[in-house]
Amino acid sequence: MKKKKTIAKKKKPAAQPIARNNKPATEYSFFDNVYEVARLIPKGRVTNYGAIAKYLGTGRSSRMVGYAMNNAHEQVPPVPAHRVVNRNGMLTGKHHFAPPSLMQKLLEKEGIQVKEDTVVDFKKLLWDPQQELNI
């Protein structure tokens, strides 16, 4: 019995990541994606770590978004890390600001009221990138 020759199917090349901000695509990391989303948050609005993670397609990585926000202060262009709070509207990242009260001051400067380290009217001010960017 003769074996049939099988022709190996050519695999389609994987989509190449797009280079952004004059960085080679290979250097564009999860943190960079987080920073780009955070830069889209409008003044006077806030979002949370989980909303950014879901928008990036990694819904269970809200903690990684938090780690990215911890390093956001060194980024150019600047990242408005003060606009990213926890799922309840609490300023859990304030200890990464110098001084810690700076996060609240920056939010208040944009017209956002904060009481006992929590954004007042959080649900009303929540900016969800999936809804706002129609994705």
N, C-alpha and C. Protein backbone atom coordinates (compact mmCIF):
# COMPACT_ATOMS: atom_id res chain seq x y z
N MET A 1 0.84 -1.17 0.00
CA MET A 1 0.00 0.00 0.00
C MET A 1 0.90 1.24 0.00
N LYS A 2 0.63 2.10 -0.94
CA LYS A 2 1.41 3.33 -1.06
C LYS A 2 0.88 4.39 -0.12
N LYS A 3 1.82 5.12 0.49
CA LYS A 3 1.41 6.25 1.34
C LYS A 3 1.16 7.45 0.45
N LYS A 4 0.13 8.18 0.77
CA LYS A 4 -0.15 9.41 0.04
C LYS A 4 0.82 10.47 0.51
N LYS A 5 1.25 11.24 -0.44
CA LYS A 5 2.10 12.38 -0.08
C LYS A 5 1.21 13.49 0.45
N THR A 6 1.61 14.03 1.55
CA THR A 6 0.88 15.17 2.07
C THR A 6 1.75 16.41 1.94
N ILE A 7 1.11 17.44 1.54
CA ILE A 7 1.80 18.71 1.38
C ILE A 7 1.55 19.53 2.63
N ALA A 8 2.61 19.92 3.23
CA ALA A 8 2.48 20.74 4.44
C ALA A 8 1.88 22.09 4.07
N LYS A 9 0.86 22.45 4.80
CA LYS A 9 0.25 23.76 4.56
C LYS A 9 1.15 24.84 5.10
N LYS A 10 1.25 25.90 4.34
CA LYS A 10 2.05 27.03 4.80
C LYS A 10 1.26 27.77 5.86
N LYS A 11 1.92 28.04 6.93
CA LYS A 11 1.28 28.81 7.99
C LYS A 11 1.32 30.28 7.62
N LYS A 12 0.23 30.94 7.93
CA LYS A 12 0.21 32.38 7.71
C LYS A 12 1.13 33.03 8.73
N PRO A 13 1.88 34.03 8.31
CA PRO A 13 2.75 34.68 9.29
C PRO A 13 1.91 35.38 10.35
N ALA A 14 2.38 35.34 11.56
CA ALA A 14 1.67 36.00 12.65
C ALA A 14 1.68 37.50 12.42
N ALA A 15 0.61 38.13 12.85
CA ALA A 15 0.54 39.59 12.71
C ALA A 15 1.69 40.22 13.48
N GLN A 16 2.32 41.14 12.86
CA GLN A 16 3.46 41.81 13.50
C GLN A 16 2.96 42.97 14.37
N PRO A 17 3.51 43.11 15.54
CA PRO A 17 3.12 44.25 16.38
C PRO A 17 3.50 45.55 15.69
N ILE A 18 2.72 46.55 15.95
CA ILE A 18 2.95 47.84 15.32
C ILE A 18 3.88 48.67 16.18
N ALA A 19 4.86 49.28 15.55
CA ALA A 19 5.75 50.18 16.28
C ALA A 19 5.00 51.47 16.56
N ARG A 20 5.14 51.98 17.78
CA ARG A 20 4.47 53.22 18.16
C ARG A 20 5.44 54.09 18.94
N ASN A 21 5.18 55.38 18.93
CA ASN A 21 5.99 56.34 19.69
C ASN A 21 7.47 56.20 19.38
N ASN A 22 7.78 55.95 18.14
CA ASN A 22 9.17 55.83 17.69
C ASN A 22 9.92 54.70 18.38
N LYS A 23 9.21 53.72 18.94
CA LYS A 23 9.83 52.56 19.56
C LYS A 23 9.68 51.39 18.62
N PRO A 24 10.70 50.55 18.49
CA PRO A 24 10.51 49.34 17.70
C PRO A 24 9.42 48.48 18.32
N ALA A 25 8.65 47.80 17.50
CA ALA A 25 7.54 47.00 17.99
C ALA A 25 7.98 45.97 19.03
N THR A 26 9.17 45.47 18.90
CA THR A 26 9.64 44.46 19.85
C THR A 26 9.85 45.03 21.24
N GLU A 27 9.97 46.33 21.35
CA GLU A 27 10.18 46.96 22.65
C GLU A 27 8.89 47.50 23.24
N TYR A 28 7.78 47.30 22.55
CA TYR A 28 6.51 47.84 23.01
C TYR A 28 5.87 46.83 23.96
N SER A 29 5.80 47.15 25.24
CA SER A 29 5.40 46.19 26.27
C SER A 29 3.98 46.40 26.76
N PHE A 30 3.54 45.50 27.61
CA PHE A 30 2.24 45.61 28.27
C PHE A 30 2.15 46.95 29.00
N PHE A 31 3.21 47.31 29.71
CA PHE A 31 3.21 48.58 30.42
C PHE A 31 3.00 49.75 29.46
N ASP A 32 3.66 49.71 28.31
CA ASP A 32 3.47 50.79 27.32
C ASP A 32 2.02 50.88 26.89
N ASN A 33 1.36 49.72 26.70
CA ASN A 33 -0.05 49.72 26.33
C ASN A 33 -0.90 50.34 27.44
N VAL A 34 -0.58 50.01 28.68
CA VAL A 34 -1.30 50.58 29.82
C VAL A 34 -1.15 52.11 29.81
N TYR A 35 0.07 52.58 29.59
CA TYR A 35 0.31 54.03 29.59
C TYR A 35 -0.47 54.72 28.48
N GLU A 36 -0.56 54.09 27.32
CA GLU A 36 -1.31 54.71 26.21
C GLU A 36 -2.78 54.84 26.56
N VAL A 37 -3.35 53.81 27.19
CA VAL A 37 -4.75 53.88 27.58
C VAL A 37 -4.93 54.95 28.65
N ALA A 38 -4.06 54.99 29.63
CA ALA A 38 -4.18 55.97 30.71
C ALA A 38 -4.10 57.40 30.17
N ARG A 39 -3.32 57.61 29.14
CA ARG A 39 -3.21 58.95 28.55
C ARG A 39 -4.51 59.38 27.88
N LEU A 40 -5.40 58.45 27.60
CA LEU A 40 -6.68 58.76 26.96
C LEU A 40 -7.77 59.16 27.96
N ILE A 41 -7.53 58.95 29.25
CA ILE A 41 -8.54 59.29 30.26
C ILE A 41 -8.73 60.80 30.27
N PRO A 42 -9.95 61.26 30.03
CA PRO A 42 -10.18 62.72 30.00
C PRO A 42 -10.01 63.36 31.38
N LYS A 43 -9.63 64.63 31.37
CA LYS A 43 -9.56 65.38 32.63
C LYS A 43 -10.94 65.38 33.26
N GLY A 44 -10.96 65.25 34.59
CA GLY A 44 -12.23 65.25 35.30
C GLY A 44 -12.91 63.90 35.34
N ARG A 45 -12.25 62.86 34.84
CA ARG A 45 -12.78 61.51 34.85
C ARG A 45 -11.74 60.58 35.45
N VAL A 46 -12.17 59.40 35.89
CA VAL A 46 -11.27 58.39 36.43
C VAL A 46 -11.62 57.03 35.83
N THR A 47 -10.69 56.12 35.92
CA THR A 47 -10.95 54.74 35.55
C THR A 47 -10.30 53.85 36.60
N ASN A 48 -10.47 52.55 36.44
CA ASN A 48 -9.86 51.65 37.40
C ASN A 48 -8.94 50.66 36.70
N TYR A 49 -8.16 49.98 37.50
CA TYR A 49 -7.16 49.05 36.98
C TYR A 49 -7.81 47.96 36.12
N GLY A 50 -8.92 47.43 36.59
CA GLY A 50 -9.61 46.36 35.87
C GLY A 50 -10.15 46.79 34.52
N ALA A 51 -10.65 48.02 34.42
CA ALA A 51 -11.18 48.51 33.14
C ALA A 51 -10.08 48.60 32.10
N ILE A 52 -8.90 49.04 32.51
CA ILE A 52 -7.77 49.10 31.59
C ILE A 52 -7.36 47.69 31.18
N ALA A 53 -7.29 46.77 32.13
CA ALA A 53 -6.92 45.39 31.83
C ALA A 53 -7.90 44.76 30.85
N LYS A 54 -9.20 44.94 31.07
CA LYS A 54 -10.21 44.38 30.17
C LYS A 54 -10.06 44.97 28.77
N TYR A 55 -9.85 46.27 28.69
CA TYR A 55 -9.69 46.92 27.40
C TYR A 55 -8.50 46.34 26.63
N LEU A 56 -7.45 45.99 27.35
CA LEU A 56 -6.26 45.44 26.72
C LEU A 56 -6.39 43.94 26.44
N GLY A 57 -7.54 43.37 26.79
CA GLY A 57 -7.78 41.97 26.51
C GLY A 57 -7.18 41.03 27.54
N THR A 58 -6.82 41.56 28.69
CA THR A 58 -6.23 40.76 29.76
C THR A 58 -6.97 41.04 31.06
N GLY A 59 -8.25 40.72 31.07
CA GLY A 59 -9.12 41.06 32.17
C GLY A 59 -8.68 40.66 33.56
N ARG A 60 -7.83 39.66 33.66
CA ARG A 60 -7.38 39.20 34.98
C ARG A 60 -6.03 39.81 35.38
N SER A 61 -5.61 40.83 34.68
CA SER A 61 -4.29 41.39 34.97
C SER A 61 -4.36 42.80 35.55
N SER A 62 -5.41 43.08 36.31
CA SER A 62 -5.54 44.41 36.89
C SER A 62 -4.37 44.73 37.83
N ARG A 63 -3.84 43.72 38.48
CA ARG A 63 -2.69 43.93 39.36
C ARG A 63 -1.47 44.40 38.56
N MET A 64 -1.29 43.84 37.36
CA MET A 64 -0.19 44.26 36.49
C MET A 64 -0.38 45.71 36.04
N VAL A 65 -1.63 46.11 35.84
CA VAL A 65 -1.91 47.51 35.50
C VAL A 65 -1.47 48.38 36.67
N GLY A 66 -1.73 47.92 37.88
CA GLY A 66 -1.28 48.65 39.07
C GLY A 66 0.23 48.79 39.12
N TYR A 67 0.93 47.71 38.79
CA TYR A 67 2.40 47.78 38.76
C TYR A 67 2.87 48.78 37.71
N ALA A 68 2.18 48.81 36.58
CA ALA A 68 2.54 49.79 35.54
C ALA A 68 2.33 51.21 36.05
N MET A 69 1.23 51.43 36.76
CA MET A 69 0.96 52.77 37.30
C MET A 69 2.01 53.18 38.31
N ASN A 70 2.57 52.23 39.04
CA ASN A 70 3.63 52.54 40.00
C ASN A 70 4.84 53.15 39.31
N ASN A 71 5.08 52.75 38.07
CA ASN A 71 6.23 53.25 37.31
C ASN A 71 5.86 54.36 36.33
N ALA A 72 4.64 54.81 36.35
CA ALA A 72 4.16 55.78 35.37
C ALA A 72 4.79 57.16 35.52
N HIS A 73 5.28 57.47 36.69
CA HIS A 73 5.79 58.82 36.96
C HIS A 73 7.04 59.15 36.16
N GLU A 74 7.70 58.14 35.64
CA GLU A 74 8.95 58.35 34.91
C GLU A 74 8.74 58.43 33.40
N GLN A 75 7.50 58.30 32.94
CA GLN A 75 7.23 58.18 31.51
C GLN A 75 7.18 59.53 30.79
N VAL A 76 7.59 59.49 29.53
CA VAL A 76 7.51 60.64 28.64
C VAL A 76 6.84 60.15 27.38
N PRO A 77 5.74 60.78 26.95
CA PRO A 77 5.02 61.87 27.61
C PRO A 77 4.40 61.41 28.93
N PRO A 78 4.04 62.38 29.77
CA PRO A 78 3.52 62.05 31.10
C PRO A 78 2.26 61.18 31.05
N VAL A 79 2.09 60.38 32.08
CA VAL A 79 0.92 59.51 32.23
C VAL A 79 0.12 60.04 33.42
N PRO A 80 -1.18 60.33 33.24
CA PRO A 80 -1.99 60.82 34.36
C PRO A 80 -2.41 59.68 35.30
N ALA A 81 -1.43 59.13 36.00
CA ALA A 81 -1.67 57.98 36.88
C ALA A 81 -2.64 58.31 38.01
N HIS A 82 -2.78 59.58 38.34
CA HIS A 82 -3.70 59.97 39.41
C HIS A 82 -5.16 59.68 39.03
N ARG A 83 -5.45 59.48 37.76
CA ARG A 83 -6.81 59.21 37.30
C ARG A 83 -7.16 57.72 37.34
N VAL A 84 -6.25 56.89 37.81
CA VAL A 84 -6.49 55.44 37.89
C VAL A 84 -6.61 55.05 39.36
N VAL A 85 -7.78 54.53 39.70
CA VAL A 85 -8.08 54.17 41.09
C VAL A 85 -8.52 52.71 41.15
N ASN A 86 -8.85 52.21 42.33
CA ASN A 86 -9.28 50.81 42.40
C ASN A 86 -10.75 50.68 42.01
N ARG A 87 -11.27 49.47 42.03
CA ARG A 87 -12.62 49.20 41.53
C ARG A 87 -13.72 49.87 42.34
N ASN A 88 -13.38 50.32 43.54
CA ASN A 88 -14.35 51.01 44.40
C ASN A 88 -14.14 52.52 44.41
N GLY A 89 -13.20 53.00 43.61
CA GLY A 89 -12.93 54.44 43.57
C GLY A 89 -11.96 54.91 44.62
N MET A 90 -11.29 53.99 45.29
CA MET A 90 -10.34 54.37 46.34
C MET A 90 -8.97 54.69 45.75
N LEU A 91 -8.29 55.63 46.37
CA LEU A 91 -6.97 56.06 45.92
C LEU A 91 -5.90 55.11 46.48
N THR A 92 -5.94 53.88 46.07
CA THR A 92 -5.02 52.88 46.61
C THR A 92 -3.58 53.10 46.14
N GLY A 93 -3.38 53.84 45.06
CA GLY A 93 -2.03 54.08 44.57
C GLY A 93 -1.40 55.34 45.10
N LYS A 94 -2.06 56.00 46.05
CA LYS A 94 -1.56 57.30 46.52
C LYS A 94 -0.18 57.23 47.15
N HIS A 95 0.18 56.08 47.71
CA HIS A 95 1.49 55.98 48.36
C HIS A 95 2.64 55.95 47.35
N HIS A 96 2.31 55.93 46.06
CA HIS A 96 3.35 56.01 45.02
C HIS A 96 3.54 57.44 44.52
N PHE A 97 2.83 58.37 45.13
CA PHE A 97 2.99 59.80 44.82
C PHE A 97 3.80 60.44 45.93
N ALA A 98 4.53 61.46 45.58
CA ALA A 98 5.35 62.15 46.59
C ALA A 98 4.91 63.61 46.67
N PRO A 99 4.30 64.02 47.74
CA PRO A 99 3.82 63.26 48.90
C PRO A 99 2.54 62.49 48.53
N PRO A 100 2.12 61.55 49.36
CA PRO A 100 0.92 60.77 49.06
C PRO A 100 -0.35 61.59 48.85
N SER A 101 -0.40 62.77 49.42
CA SER A 101 -1.59 63.63 49.24
C SER A 101 -1.65 64.23 47.82
N LEU A 102 -0.58 64.10 47.05
CA LEU A 102 -0.54 64.68 45.71
C LEU A 102 -1.60 64.08 44.79
N MET A 103 -1.87 62.80 44.90
CA MET A 103 -2.87 62.16 44.04
C MET A 103 -4.22 62.83 44.22
N GLN A 104 -4.62 63.04 45.47
CA GLN A 104 -5.90 63.69 45.75
C GLN A 104 -5.89 65.13 45.25
N LYS A 105 -4.80 65.85 45.47
CA LYS A 105 -4.71 67.25 45.02
C LYS A 105 -4.85 67.36 43.51
N LEU A 106 -4.23 66.43 42.76
CA LEU A 106 -4.32 66.46 41.31
C LEU A 106 -5.75 66.18 40.84
N LEU A 107 -6.43 65.25 41.50
CA LEU A 107 -7.82 64.97 41.16
C LEU A 107 -8.72 66.16 41.47
N GLU A 108 -8.52 66.76 42.62
CA GLU A 108 -9.33 67.92 43.01
C GLU A 108 -9.09 69.10 42.08
N LYS A 109 -7.88 69.24 41.59
CA LYS A 109 -7.56 70.31 40.64
C LYS A 109 -8.37 70.14 39.34
N GLU A 110 -8.74 68.90 39.03
CA GLU A 110 -9.54 68.62 37.84
C GLU A 110 -11.05 68.61 38.14
N GLY A 111 -11.42 68.99 39.38
CA GLY A 111 -12.83 69.07 39.74
C GLY A 111 -13.42 67.80 40.31
N ILE A 112 -12.58 66.83 40.63
CA ILE A 112 -13.05 65.56 41.19
C ILE A 112 -12.97 65.65 42.71
N GLN A 113 -14.09 65.43 43.36
CA GLN A 113 -14.12 65.47 44.82
C GLN A 113 -13.67 64.13 45.39
N VAL A 114 -12.86 64.21 46.44
CA VAL A 114 -12.37 63.01 47.12
C VAL A 114 -12.67 63.16 48.60
N LYS A 115 -13.28 62.12 49.16
CA LYS A 115 -13.60 62.13 50.58
C LYS A 115 -13.13 60.81 51.17
N GLU A 116 -12.32 60.89 52.22
CA GLU A 116 -11.77 59.72 52.89
C GLU A 116 -11.09 58.77 51.89
N ASP A 117 -10.23 59.36 51.06
CA ASP A 117 -9.46 58.62 50.05
C ASP A 117 -10.30 57.88 49.02
N THR A 118 -11.53 58.34 48.78
CA THR A 118 -12.42 57.71 47.80
C THR A 118 -13.04 58.79 46.91
N VAL A 119 -13.11 58.52 45.62
CA VAL A 119 -13.71 59.46 44.66
C VAL A 119 -15.20 59.54 44.92
N VAL A 120 -15.71 60.75 45.13
CA VAL A 120 -17.14 60.99 45.31
C VAL A 120 -17.79 60.86 43.94
N ASP A 121 -18.94 60.22 43.86
CA ASP A 121 -19.65 59.97 42.59
C ASP A 121 -18.79 59.16 41.62
N PHE A 122 -18.10 58.17 42.15
CA PHE A 122 -17.20 57.35 41.35
C PHE A 122 -17.89 56.76 40.11
N LYS A 123 -19.06 56.16 40.29
CA LYS A 123 -19.75 55.53 39.15
C LYS A 123 -20.09 56.54 38.06
N LYS A 124 -20.42 57.74 38.47
CA LYS A 124 -20.76 58.80 37.50
C LYS A 124 -19.51 59.27 36.74
N LEU A 125 -18.38 59.29 37.40
CA LEU A 125 -17.14 59.79 36.81
C LEU A 125 -16.31 58.70 36.13
N LEU A 126 -16.75 57.43 36.25
CA LEU A 126 -15.98 56.32 35.71
C LEU A 126 -15.90 56.39 34.19
N TRP A 127 -14.69 56.34 33.68
CA TRP A 127 -14.43 56.30 32.24
C TRP A 127 -14.03 54.88 31.91
N ASP A 128 -14.88 54.20 31.14
CA ASP A 128 -14.62 52.81 30.75
C ASP A 128 -14.11 52.83 29.32
N PRO A 129 -12.84 52.50 29.08
CA PRO A 129 -12.30 52.58 27.73
C PRO A 129 -13.05 51.73 26.72
N GLN A 130 -13.60 50.59 27.13
CA GLN A 130 -14.34 49.75 26.19
C GLN A 130 -15.60 50.44 25.69
N GLN A 131 -16.27 51.15 26.56
CA GLN A 131 -17.49 51.85 26.16
C GLN A 131 -17.18 53.17 25.48
N GLU A 132 -16.25 53.92 26.04
CA GLU A 132 -15.95 55.24 25.54
C GLU A 132 -15.23 55.22 24.18
N LEU A 133 -14.44 54.18 23.96
CA LEU A 133 -13.72 54.08 22.70
C LEU A 133 -14.42 53.16 21.72
N ASN A 134 -15.67 52.78 22.06
CA ASN A 134 -16.52 51.96 21.19
C ASN A 134 -15.85 50.68 20.71
N ILE A 135 -15.26 49.97 21.62
CA ILE A 135 -14.59 48.71 21.28
C ILE A 135 -15.40 47.57 21.84
